[in-house]
Protein backbone atom coordinates (compact mmCIF):
# COMPACT_ATOMS: atom_id res chain seq x y z
CA UNK A 1 -25.29 9.21 11.79
CA UNK A 2 -24.36 11.93 14.63
CA UNK A 3 -20.88 13.14 13.70
CA UNK A 4 -18.75 11.81 16.84
CA UNK A 5 -20.77 8.32 15.42
CA UNK A 6 -19.06 8.71 12.50
CA UNK A 7 -15.45 10.05 13.16
CA UNK A 8 -15.44 6.57 15.47
CA UNK A 9 -16.64 4.16 12.46
CA UNK A 10 -14.18 6.30 10.33
CA UNK A 11 -11.67 5.93 12.75
CA UNK A 12 -11.88 2.05 13.37
CA UNK A 13 -12.07 1.22 9.75
CA UNK A 14 -8.22 3.52 9.04
CA UNK A 15 -6.82 1.47 12.02
CA UNK A 16 -7.79 -1.63 10.49
CA UNK A 17 -6.05 -0.58 7.45
CA UNK A 18 -3.17 0.41 9.31
CA UNK A 19 -3.18 -2.18 11.68
CA UNK A 20 -3.34 -4.85 9.00
CA UNK A 21 -0.48 -3.32 6.92
CA UNK A 22 2.09 -2.66 10.06
CA UNK A 23 1.21 -5.88 12.20
CA UNK A 24 -0.54 -8.51 9.81
CA UNK A 25 2.71 -8.59 7.06
CA UNK A 26 5.52 -9.44 9.67
CA UNK A 27 2.88 -12.03 11.14
CA UNK A 28 1.53 -13.69 8.30
CA UNK A 29 4.66 -14.17 5.95
CA UNK A 30 6.24 -17.52 6.75
CA UNK A 31 8.92 -17.20 4.37
CA UNK A 32 10.52 -14.34 6.29
CA UNK A 33 10.54 -13.58 10.56
CA UNK A 34 11.08 -10.08 11.48
CA UNK A 35 12.85 -9.31 7.37
CA UNK A 36 15.30 -12.18 8.26
CA UNK A 37 15.20 -15.04 5.60
CA UNK A 38 14.02 -18.65 6.90
CA UNK A 39 14.77 -21.47 5.22
CA UNK A 40 11.86 -23.73 3.97
CA UNK A 41 12.89 -26.48 6.50
CA UNK A 42 12.97 -24.46 9.24
CA UNK A 43 9.50 -22.61 9.29
CA UNK A 44 7.75 -24.98 11.50
CA UNK A 45 10.06 -24.49 14.76
CA UNK A 46 8.49 -23.76 17.72
CA UNK A 47 11.00 -20.85 17.90
CA UNK A 48 9.80 -18.92 15.15
CA UNK A 49 5.77 -18.78 16.63
CA UNK A 50 7.03 -17.71 19.76
CA UNK A 51 9.07 -14.45 17.88
CA UNK A 52 5.98 -13.62 16.42
CA UNK A 53 3.26 -13.92 19.22
CA UNK A 54 5.43 -11.64 21.06
CA UNK A 55 5.85 -9.41 17.80
CA UNK A 56 2.14 -9.91 18.45
CA UNK A 57 1.54 -9.12 21.26
CA UNK A 58 3.72 -5.98 21.73
CA UNK A 59 2.34 -4.43 19.15
CA UNK A 60 -1.08 -4.92 20.26
CA UNK A 61 -0.63 -3.47 23.50
CA UNK A 62 0.86 -0.40 21.66
CA UNK A 63 -2.54 -0.31 19.64
CA UNK A 64 -4.63 -0.62 22.68
CA UNK A 65 -2.24 2.50 24.47
CA UNK A 66 -2.92 4.13 20.85
CA UNK A 67 -6.10 3.82 21.37
CA UNK A 68 -6.89 5.21 24.58
CA UNK A 69 -4.32 8.27 24.04
CA UNK A 70 -6.45 8.73 20.95
CA UNK A 71 -9.75 9.08 23.39
CA UNK A 72 -7.75 11.26 25.59
CA UNK A 73 -6.66 13.68 22.74
CA UNK A 74 -9.90 13.56 21.63
CA UNK A 75 -11.80 15.04 24.98
CA UNK A 76 -8.59 17.43 25.56
CA UNK A 77 -8.85 18.80 21.67
CA UNK A 78 -12.47 19.37 21.50
CA UNK A 79 -12.72 16.92 19.21
CA UNK A 80 -10.19 17.44 17.43
CA UNK A 81 -10.21 14.77 14.32
CA UNK A 82 -6.42 15.58 13.83
CA UNK A 83 -5.10 15.12 16.63
CA UNK A 84 -6.90 12.41 17.42
CA UNK A 85 -5.89 10.17 14.40
CA UNK A 86 -1.65 11.25 14.70
CA UNK A 87 -2.38 10.50 18.78
CA UNK A 88 -3.73 7.11 17.73
CA UNK A 89 -1.77 6.29 14.67
CA UNK A 90 1.96 7.51 15.84
CA UNK A 91 1.55 5.64 19.00
CA UNK A 92 0.95 2.58 16.92
CA UNK A 93 3.64 2.98 14.47
CA UNK A 94 5.94 3.91 17.24
CA UNK A 95 4.71 0.42 18.92
CA UNK A 96 5.17 -1.63 16.24
CA UNK A 97 8.41 -0.69 15.00
CA UNK A 98 10.07 -0.93 18.77
CA UNK A 99 8.27 -4.46 18.88
CA UNK A 100 9.57 -4.97 15.14
CA UNK A 101 13.48 -3.85 15.74
CA UNK A 102 12.91 -6.21 19.71
CA UNK A 103 11.65 -9.33 17.65
CA UNK A 104 14.08 -8.45 14.64
CA UNK A 105 17.19 -9.38 18.01
CA UNK A 106 15.41 -12.13 18.64
CA UNK A 107 15.47 -13.29 14.75
CA UNK A 108 18.89 -12.29 14.15
CA UNK A 109 20.01 -14.37 16.66
CA UNK A 110 18.17 -17.58 16.22
CA UNK A 111 19.51 -17.09 12.91
CA UNK A 112 22.98 -17.29 14.03
CA UNK A 113 22.63 -20.29 16.22
CA UNK A 114 20.80 -23.01 13.53
CA UNK A 115 23.01 -21.03 10.21
CA UNK A 116 20.42 -20.16 8.55
CA UNK A 117 21.44 -19.46 4.82
CA UNK A 118 19.66 -18.16 2.26
CA UNK A 119 19.92 -19.76 -1.35
CA UNK A 120 23.31 -19.39 -3.39
CA UNK A 121 23.67 -15.89 -4.39
CA UNK A 122 26.16 -17.24 -7.07
CA UNK A 123 24.01 -19.43 -9.10
CA UNK A 124 22.73 -17.10 -12.11
CA UNK A 125 19.05 -18.91 -13.24
CA UNK A 126 18.44 -18.15 -16.67
CA UNK A 127 14.64 -17.69 -17.49
CA UNK A 128 13.28 -20.43 -19.96
CA UNK A 129 10.31 -20.18 -22.29
CA UNK A 130 9.30 -17.27 -24.40
CA UNK A 131 9.33 -13.26 -24.21
CA UNK A 132 5.92 -12.89 -24.07
CA UNK A 133 5.49 -15.51 -21.27
CA UNK A 134 8.29 -13.33 -19.60
CA UNK A 135 6.32 -10.29 -19.67
CA UNK A 136 3.17 -11.76 -18.83
CA UNK A 137 1.66 -9.98 -15.50
CA UNK A 138 -1.96 -10.77 -15.66
CA UNK A 139 -3.51 -7.61 -17.56
CA UNK A 140 -3.01 -5.98 -20.83
CA UNK A 141 -1.98 -2.71 -20.92
CA UNK A 142 -5.56 -1.38 -23.07
CA UNK A 143 -7.22 -2.78 -19.60
CA UNK A 144 -6.29 0.93 -17.93
CA UNK A 145 -8.41 2.64 -20.91
CA UNK A 146 -11.13 2.13 -18.42
CA UNK A 147 -9.82 4.52 -15.89
CA UNK A 148 -9.16 6.62 -18.77
CA UNK A 149 -12.65 6.47 -19.88
CA UNK A 150 -13.84 7.00 -16.04
CA UNK A 151 -11.31 10.54 -15.66
CA UNK A 152 -12.96 11.52 -19.04
CA UNK A 153 -16.39 10.58 -17.56
CA UNK A 154 -16.13 12.82 -14.21
CA UNK A 155 -14.49 15.42 -16.24
CA UNK A 156 -17.24 15.67 -18.93
CA UNK A 157 -20.23 15.68 -16.02
CA UNK A 158 -18.73 18.35 -14.25
CA UNK A 159 -18.43 20.60 -17.02
CA UNK A 160 -21.73 20.45 -18.55
CA UNK A 161 -23.37 20.86 -14.89
CA UNK A 162 -20.76 23.55 -14.14
CA UNK A 163 -23.86 26.06 -13.65
CA UNK A 164 -24.90 23.93 -10.92
CA UNK A 165 -21.96 24.19 -8.81
CA UNK A 166 -21.91 26.32 -5.72
CA UNK A 167 -19.78 29.41 -5.66
CA UNK A 168 -18.28 28.24 -2.86
CA UNK A 169 -16.94 24.59 -3.52
CA UNK A 170 -16.70 22.24 0.04
CA UNK A 171 -12.76 21.25 -0.14
CA UNK A 172 -12.70 19.03 3.08
CA UNK A 173 -15.78 17.30 5.26
CA UNK A 174 -15.71 16.44 9.28
CA UNK A 175 -16.40 13.20 10.02
CA UNK A 176 -19.96 13.27 9.58
CA UNK A 177 -19.61 14.80 5.95
CA UNK A 178 -20.36 18.42 6.54
CA UNK A 179 -17.71 20.90 4.81
CA UNK A 180 -15.18 22.59 6.82
CA UNK A 181 -13.38 23.77 4.62
CA UNK A 182 -14.44 25.76 0.88
CA UNK A 183 -12.72 27.30 -2.33
CA UNK A 184 -13.61 29.77 -4.69
CA UNK A 185 -15.13 27.88 -7.76
CA UNK A 186 -12.59 27.65 -10.28
CA UNK A 187 -11.10 25.41 -12.59
CA UNK A 188 -8.29 24.30 -9.98
CA UNK A 189 -10.90 23.26 -6.88
CA UNK A 190 -13.57 21.73 -9.59
CA UNK A 191 -11.24 19.65 -11.34
CA UNK A 192 -8.77 19.16 -8.20
CA UNK A 193 -9.71 15.19 -8.14
CA UNK A 194 -9.69 14.73 -11.36
CA UNK A 195 -6.01 15.73 -11.51
CA UNK A 196 -5.37 13.43 -8.46
CA UNK A 197 -6.94 10.47 -10.47
CA UNK A 198 -4.75 11.12 -13.56
CA UNK A 199 -1.59 10.95 -11.24
CA UNK A 200 -2.86 7.45 -9.32
CA UNK A 201 -3.85 6.06 -12.43
CA UNK A 202 -0.37 6.94 -14.14
CA UNK A 203 1.18 5.73 -10.85
CA UNK A 204 -0.63 2.51 -10.79
CA UNK A 205 0.07 1.89 -14.55
CA UNK A 206 3.67 2.58 -14.21
CA UNK A 207 4.25 0.13 -11.39
CA UNK A 208 1.85 -2.58 -13.27
CA UNK A 209 3.86 -2.84 -16.33
CA UNK A 210 7.29 -2.89 -14.30
CA UNK A 211 6.00 -5.98 -13.15
CA UNK A 212 6.09 -7.61 -16.45
CA UNK A 213 9.66 -6.23 -17.40
CA UNK A 214 11.40 -7.67 -14.01
CA UNK A 215 13.83 -9.83 -14.17
CA UNK A 216 12.33 -12.74 -12.96
CA UNK A 217 14.43 -14.91 -10.05
CA UNK A 218 14.09 -18.81 -9.83
CA UNK A 219 15.31 -21.45 -8.07
CA UNK A 220 18.03 -23.48 -10.14
CA UNK A 221 16.74 -26.62 -8.59
CA UNK A 222 12.96 -26.06 -9.83
CA UNK A 223 13.06 -23.46 -12.52
CA UNK A 224 9.95 -24.47 -14.33
CA UNK A 225 7.93 -24.57 -10.32
CA UNK A 226 9.19 -21.21 -9.59
CA UNK A 227 8.72 -20.00 -12.90
CA UNK A 228 4.96 -20.71 -12.48
CA UNK A 229 4.90 -19.13 -9.01
CA UNK A 230 6.37 -16.08 -10.49
CA UNK A 231 3.37 -15.76 -12.88
CA UNK A 232 1.23 -16.53 -10.35
CA UNK A 233 2.75 -13.91 -8.12
CA UNK A 234 2.42 -11.29 -10.70
CA UNK A 235 -0.84 -12.06 -11.74
CA UNK A 236 -1.54 -11.64 -8.14
CA UNK A 237 -0.32 -8.65 -7.59
CA UNK A 238 -1.57 -6.84 -10.77
CA UNK A 239 -4.84 -7.58 -10.36
CA UNK A 240 -5.36 -6.76 -6.84
CA UNK A 241 -3.31 -3.32 -8.20
CA UNK A 242 -5.56 -2.72 -11.32
CA UNK A 243 -9.03 -3.42 -8.78
CA UNK A 244 -7.80 -1.12 -5.81
CA UNK A 245 -6.22 1.21 -8.58
CA UNK A 246 -10.12 0.87 -10.14
CA UNK A 247 -11.80 1.37 -6.73
CA UNK A 248 -9.60 4.69 -6.03
CA UNK A 249 -10.96 6.40 -9.28
CA UNK A 250 -14.36 5.67 -8.70
CA UNK A 251 -14.18 6.61 -5.25
CA UNK A 252 -12.85 10.16 -6.18
CA UNK A 253 -15.10 10.41 -8.86
CA UNK A 254 -17.85 10.11 -6.91
CA UNK A 255 -16.71 12.34 -3.76
CA UNK A 256 -16.20 14.92 -7.18
CA UNK A 257 -19.85 14.47 -8.21
CA UNK A 258 -21.24 15.22 -4.41
CA UNK A 259 -19.34 17.92 -3.46
CA UNK A 260 -19.71 20.01 -6.81
CA UNK A 261 -22.76 19.64 -9.10
CA UNK A 262 -24.59 16.94 -7.01
CA UNK A 263 -23.96 18.63 -3.55
CA UNK A 264 -26.98 18.50 -0.98
CA UNK A 265 -25.10 20.01 1.86
CA UNK A 266 -23.26 17.10 3.35
CA UNK A 267 -21.01 14.42 2.15
CA UNK A 268 -23.01 10.37 2.53
CA UNK A 269 -20.39 9.52 5.05
CA UNK A 270 -22.12 6.18 4.51
CA UNK A 271 -20.74 5.26 1.35
CA UNK A 272 -16.89 6.47 1.65
CA UNK A 273 -17.00 3.88 4.86
CA UNK A 274 -18.09 1.42 2.35
CA UNK A 275 -15.05 2.69 -0.29
CA UNK A 276 -12.95 2.11 3.00
CA UNK A 277 -13.97 -1.45 3.76
CA UNK A 278 -14.14 -3.03 0.68
CA UNK A 279 -10.17 -1.93 -0.04
CA UNK A 280 -9.73 -3.30 4.01
CA UNK A 281 -11.59 -6.55 2.65
CA UNK A 282 -9.65 -7.04 -0.51
CA UNK A 283 -5.94 -6.18 0.41
CA UNK A 284 -6.51 -9.10 3.12
CA UNK A 285 -7.93 -11.57 0.93
CA UNK A 286 -4.85 -10.59 -1.03
CA UNK A 287 -2.23 -11.37 1.52
CA UNK A 288 -4.10 -14.59 2.47
CA UNK A 289 -4.57 -15.85 -0.92
CA UNK A 290 -0.83 -15.41 -1.22
CA UNK A 291 -0.51 -17.50 1.65
CA UNK A 292 -2.67 -20.15 0.41
CA UNK A 293 -0.96 -20.93 -2.26
CA UNK A 294 2.69 -20.81 -0.88
CA UNK A 295 3.33 -16.96 -2.81
CA UNK A 296 4.58 -15.38 0.08
CA UNK A 297 8.57 -16.67 -0.41
CA UNK A 298 8.48 -15.73 -4.39
CA UNK A 299 11.47 -13.45 -4.85
CA UNK A 300 13.80 -14.74 -1.86
CA UNK A 301 16.31 -16.63 -4.57
CA UNK A 302 19.28 -14.87 -4.92
CA UNK A 303 19.98 -11.53 -3.69
CA UNK A 304 16.43 -11.36 -1.97
CA UNK A 305 17.18 -13.88 0.00
CA UNK A 306 20.03 -12.53 1.95
CA UNK A 307 19.69 -10.65 4.90
CA UNK A 308 22.70 -8.76 4.25
CA UNK A 309 21.24 -6.83 1.40
CA UNK A 310 17.78 -5.56 3.32
CA UNK A 311 18.27 -2.92 5.86
CA UNK A 312 16.42 -3.49 8.97
CA UNK A 313 14.95 -6.17 7.21
CA UNK A 314 13.10 -3.51 4.99
CA UNK A 315 14.88 -1.61 2.18
CA UNK A 316 16.86 -3.42 -0.06
CA UNK A 317 20.29 -1.81 -1.00
CA UNK A 318 22.55 -4.13 -3.20
CA UNK A 319 25.30 -2.11 -5.21
CA UNK A 320 26.14 -5.81 -6.95
CA UNK A 321 21.93 -6.10 -8.67
CA UNK A 322 21.42 -3.52 -11.73
CA UNK A 323 17.89 -3.78 -10.80
CA UNK A 324 16.03 -0.81 -10.11
CA UNK A 325 13.10 -3.02 -8.81
CA UNK A 326 12.56 -6.16 -6.99
CA UNK A 327 9.92 -7.85 -5.71
CA UNK A 328 9.60 -7.07 -2.05
CA UNK A 329 9.71 -9.26 0.73
CA UNK A 330 6.63 -9.26 2.39
CA UNK A 331 4.13 -8.03 1.11
CA UNK A 332 2.40 -6.51 -2.13
CA UNK A 333 4.27 -5.22 -5.16
CA UNK A 334 7.70 -4.30 -5.81
CA UNK A 335 10.23 -1.92 -4.10
CA UNK A 336 13.29 -0.10 -5.07
CA UNK A 337 17.00 -1.44 -5.23
CA UNK A 338 18.18 1.85 -2.87
CA UNK A 339 21.68 1.68 -4.07
CA UNK A 340 20.60 2.51 -7.38
CA UNK A 341 20.74 6.12 -8.07
CA UNK A 342 17.78 5.85 -10.27
CA UNK A 343 15.77 4.53 -7.72
CA UNK A 344 15.59 7.70 -5.61
CA UNK A 345 15.13 9.66 -9.04
CA UNK A 346 11.84 7.81 -9.06
CA UNK A 347 10.95 7.78 -5.44
CA UNK A 348 11.52 11.87 -5.13
CA UNK A 349 9.07 12.01 -8.18
CA UNK A 350 6.23 9.53 -6.90
CA UNK A 351 6.76 11.74 -3.45
CA UNK A 352 6.68 15.11 -4.93
CA UNK A 353 4.14 14.45 -7.89
CA UNK A 354 0.98 15.03 -5.32
CA UNK A 355 2.38 17.81 -4.00
CA UNK A 356 3.35 19.38 -6.77
CA UNK A 357 -0.69 18.80 -8.43
CA UNK A 358 -2.00 20.33 -4.77
CA UNK A 359 0.31 23.27 -5.50
CA UNK A 360 -0.84 23.75 -9.22
CA UNK A 361 -4.96 23.33 -8.30
CA UNK A 362 -4.69 25.68 -4.88
CA UNK A 363 -2.56 28.04 -7.32
CA UNK A 364 -5.61 27.97 -9.96
CA UNK A 365 -8.33 28.47 -7.51
CA UNK A 366 -6.94 31.74 -6.02
């Protein structure tokens, strides 16, 4: 596979994941219309389909324009991968934001016209069941020992093969798998990916364990039924997060091996594409599962369904809610309550840890 062909395939896969996240979620989730809560009895209205189709058409038009712009950027920049991807993804993101803003105004107008209201927020429904049931999220804590074992094995194999590692270690590869940036052989350059494995495992494990300890929002009209949905929803999130984290840890381990003690002059891009395609298929299957099981509206009870607490329909900000993390309205996992200072501290830590890891790796390698 030559450089141009490989770069095209990588760009296509990355763009599929990007568009699935930006366009697929708002289009597929029936409980929300561009961040506006839709009561169950209203979800079959033809106006909803019209708004979603307009959002889809505007977003796909932006995706097409992004593709044309990225092609022009590729030609004008003599094949610069950075300029090509930036032109593609930034224009598509801008188009989706514009489509979201336009469609959201229509959704808010429809809400006012139809008099949509979220479930009664003043009713607080207590959990019915035992504490072990409340904390169940589908996967036990010891399951993440598999990640630890994989990371330890990757590091051990690297130590045992230290003499086979070249003096200049490849740190970055182009689309065809050829190295285009090197670093001197050192603990920092060789074990950087192990550090990322540890950080990502900690991040995914932290999210996973927090899911079992966040409050459950039960429907006052059907507490037992909503409890079953909560358990299914949390279990689905736990399994997809666990599997995604495992795939990423394995991918980093494979890249470490092929770029150090098993370096053969190039990185097989076909395997990297297989990893990316696997992630895409897993995410698509997850969202299809949520929709088919009727789990896309879990978490819309109480404050979660009230549009006034969701800035722009996406960011939860409710000073009356003591919770730091709540279920997302759309998609995978949980989000922060940005009215709580603790949320900003946690978010800062999540953003700064990777940057610190990179800085430490480069410092150790210098």
